[in-house]
Amino acid sequence: MNSKLLMTLRIVLAIILLVFGSNKFFGFIPMDAPPEGSFMAALIATGYMMPLIALSEIIPGVLLLINKWKGLALVWLVPISVNIVFFHLAFDISTIAPAALVAILNAVLIYANWNKFKTLF
């Protein structure tokens, strides 16, 4: 694939992860109404899940943005991408577009860097 296209896709994915990960700390995007809001409130009530989820989005986002350890960041994002998609499938399928975008970008970047992942499979 074109290296400029891959760089653009990598940066777009990184920005999405940084924005939504940072939102979990700073709350600049309002939380959804129930039942999604109830689920998120339960995660917040644990005291540790939201910071853990936020960091699990921010760290790979930073790694992708600075183009360091791309392979690690992309593998790290697979379970996160799957969970984001399942969250939207379970609670509100009408808002699945950003979740699908994250999953598709992750899959495309893994495919483009497949030589790094061949030994895993």
Protein backbone atom coordinates (compact mmCIF):
# COMPACT_ATOMS: atom_id res chain seq x y z
CA MET A 1 0.00 0.00 0.00
CA ASN A 2 0.97 3.60 -0.45
CA SER A 3 3.11 4.73 2.49
CA LYS A 4 1.44 8.16 2.66
CA LEU A 5 -1.99 6.53 2.83
CA LEU A 6 -0.82 4.19 5.59
CA MET A 7 0.67 7.11 7.50
CA THR A 8 -2.63 9.00 7.19
CA LEU A 9 -4.64 5.97 8.37
CA ARG A 10 -2.25 5.44 11.28
CA ILE A 11 -2.53 9.08 12.36
CA VAL A 12 -6.33 9.08 12.03
CA LEU A 13 -6.55 5.96 14.21
CA ALA A 14 -4.14 7.48 16.74
CA ILE A 15 -6.16 10.70 16.96
CA ILE A 16 -9.43 8.79 17.43
CA LEU A 17 -7.87 6.74 20.24
CA LEU A 18 -6.34 9.79 21.90
CA VAL A 19 -9.59 11.78 21.77
CA PHE A 20 -11.83 9.01 23.10
CA GLY A 21 -9.24 7.83 25.61
CA SER A 22 -8.73 11.37 26.93
CA ASN A 23 -12.50 11.82 27.14
CA LYS A 24 -12.60 9.08 29.75
CA PHE A 25 -10.40 11.26 31.97
CA PHE A 26 -11.74 14.72 31.16
CA GLY A 27 -15.34 14.10 30.04
CA PHE A 28 -15.52 16.66 27.24
CA ILE A 29 -17.88 14.42 25.21
CA PRO A 30 -21.15 13.83 27.12
CA MET A 31 -22.01 10.31 28.29
CA ASP A 32 -24.87 8.48 26.59
CA ALA A 33 -28.30 8.11 28.14
CA PRO A 34 -29.31 4.74 29.66
CA PRO A 35 -28.74 1.86 29.08
CA GLU A 36 -25.29 2.81 27.73
CA GLY A 37 -24.96 5.45 30.42
CA SER A 38 -25.84 2.94 33.13
CA PHE A 39 -23.15 0.57 31.89
CA MET A 40 -20.58 3.36 31.76
CA ALA A 41 -21.65 4.55 35.24
CA ALA A 42 -21.05 1.02 36.55
CA LEU A 43 -17.55 1.03 35.04
CA ILE A 44 -16.85 4.43 36.60
CA ALA A 45 -18.14 3.20 39.97
CA THR A 46 -15.45 0.51 40.12
CA GLY A 47 -12.88 3.27 40.43
CA TYR A 48 -10.29 1.58 38.24
CA MET A 49 -11.95 0.41 35.01
CA MET A 50 -12.31 3.77 33.26
CA PRO A 51 -8.68 4.80 33.85
CA LEU A 52 -7.59 1.33 32.71
CA ILE A 53 -9.72 1.54 29.56
CA ALA A 54 -8.55 5.11 28.92
CA LEU A 55 -4.88 4.18 29.23
CA SER A 56 -5.41 1.12 27.04
CA GLU A 57 -6.59 3.51 24.32
CA ILE A 58 -4.17 6.38 24.95
CA ILE A 59 -0.94 4.35 25.08
CA PRO A 60 -1.39 2.62 21.69
CA GLY A 61 -2.66 5.93 20.29
CA VAL A 62 0.56 7.64 21.33
CA LEU A 63 2.65 4.75 20.00
CA LEU A 64 0.90 4.96 16.63
CA LEU A 65 1.20 8.75 16.55
CA ILE A 66 4.96 8.73 17.18
CA ASN A 67 5.37 5.65 14.95
CA LYS A 68 7.11 3.57 17.60
CA TRP A 69 6.32 -0.10 18.25
CA LYS A 70 3.53 -0.09 15.66
CA GLY A 71 3.20 -3.85 15.82
CA LEU A 72 2.70 -3.84 19.58
CA ALA A 73 0.17 -1.01 19.37
CA LEU A 74 -1.84 -2.74 16.63
CA VAL A 75 -1.94 -6.09 18.45
CA TRP A 76 -2.86 -4.26 21.66
CA LEU A 77 -5.79 -2.65 19.84
CA VAL A 78 -7.38 -5.88 18.57
CA PRO A 79 -9.28 -6.75 21.79
CA ILE A 80 -10.08 -3.07 22.33
CA SER A 81 -11.50 -2.76 18.81
CA VAL A 82 -13.57 -5.91 19.25
CA ASN A 83 -14.95 -4.66 22.58
CA ILE A 84 -15.80 -1.24 21.14
CA VAL A 85 -17.72 -2.87 18.29
CA PHE A 86 -19.55 -5.28 20.63
CA PHE A 87 -20.43 -2.43 22.99
CA HIS A 88 -22.12 -0.55 20.16
CA LEU A 89 -23.79 -3.71 18.84
CA ALA A 90 -25.20 -4.46 22.28
CA PHE A 91 -26.36 -0.98 23.26
CA ASP A 92 -26.93 1.24 20.23
CA ILE A 93 -26.19 0.02 16.74
CA SER A 94 -26.98 3.47 15.30
CA THR A 95 -23.71 4.77 16.78
CA ILE A 96 -21.53 1.97 15.45
CA ALA A 97 -19.81 4.04 12.71
CA PRO A 98 -16.87 5.29 14.85
CA ALA A 99 -16.46 1.81 16.35
CA ALA A 100 -16.43 0.23 12.90
CA LEU A 101 -13.92 2.84 11.73
CA VAL A 102 -11.54 1.96 14.57
CA ALA A 103 -11.86 -1.77 13.84
CA ILE A 104 -11.42 -1.30 10.08
CA LEU A 105 -8.41 0.99 10.48
CA ASN A 106 -6.86 -1.50 12.90
CA ALA A 107 -7.45 -4.38 10.47
CA VAL A 108 -6.10 -2.43 7.48
CA LEU A 109 -2.95 -1.42 9.35
CA ILE A 110 -2.39 -4.99 10.55
CA TYR A 111 -2.82 -6.24 6.98
CA ALA A 112 -0.38 -3.61 5.68
CA ASN A 113 2.19 -4.71 8.28
CA TRP A 114 1.42 -8.42 7.99
CA ASN A 115 5.10 -9.38 7.72
CA LYS A 116 5.48 -8.35 11.39
CA PHE A 117 2.58 -10.58 12.44
CA LYS A 118 3.18 -13.76 10.39
CA THR A 119 5.01 -15.49 13.22
CA LEU A 120 2.03 -15.03 15.56
CA PHE A 121 -0.16 -17.19 13.33
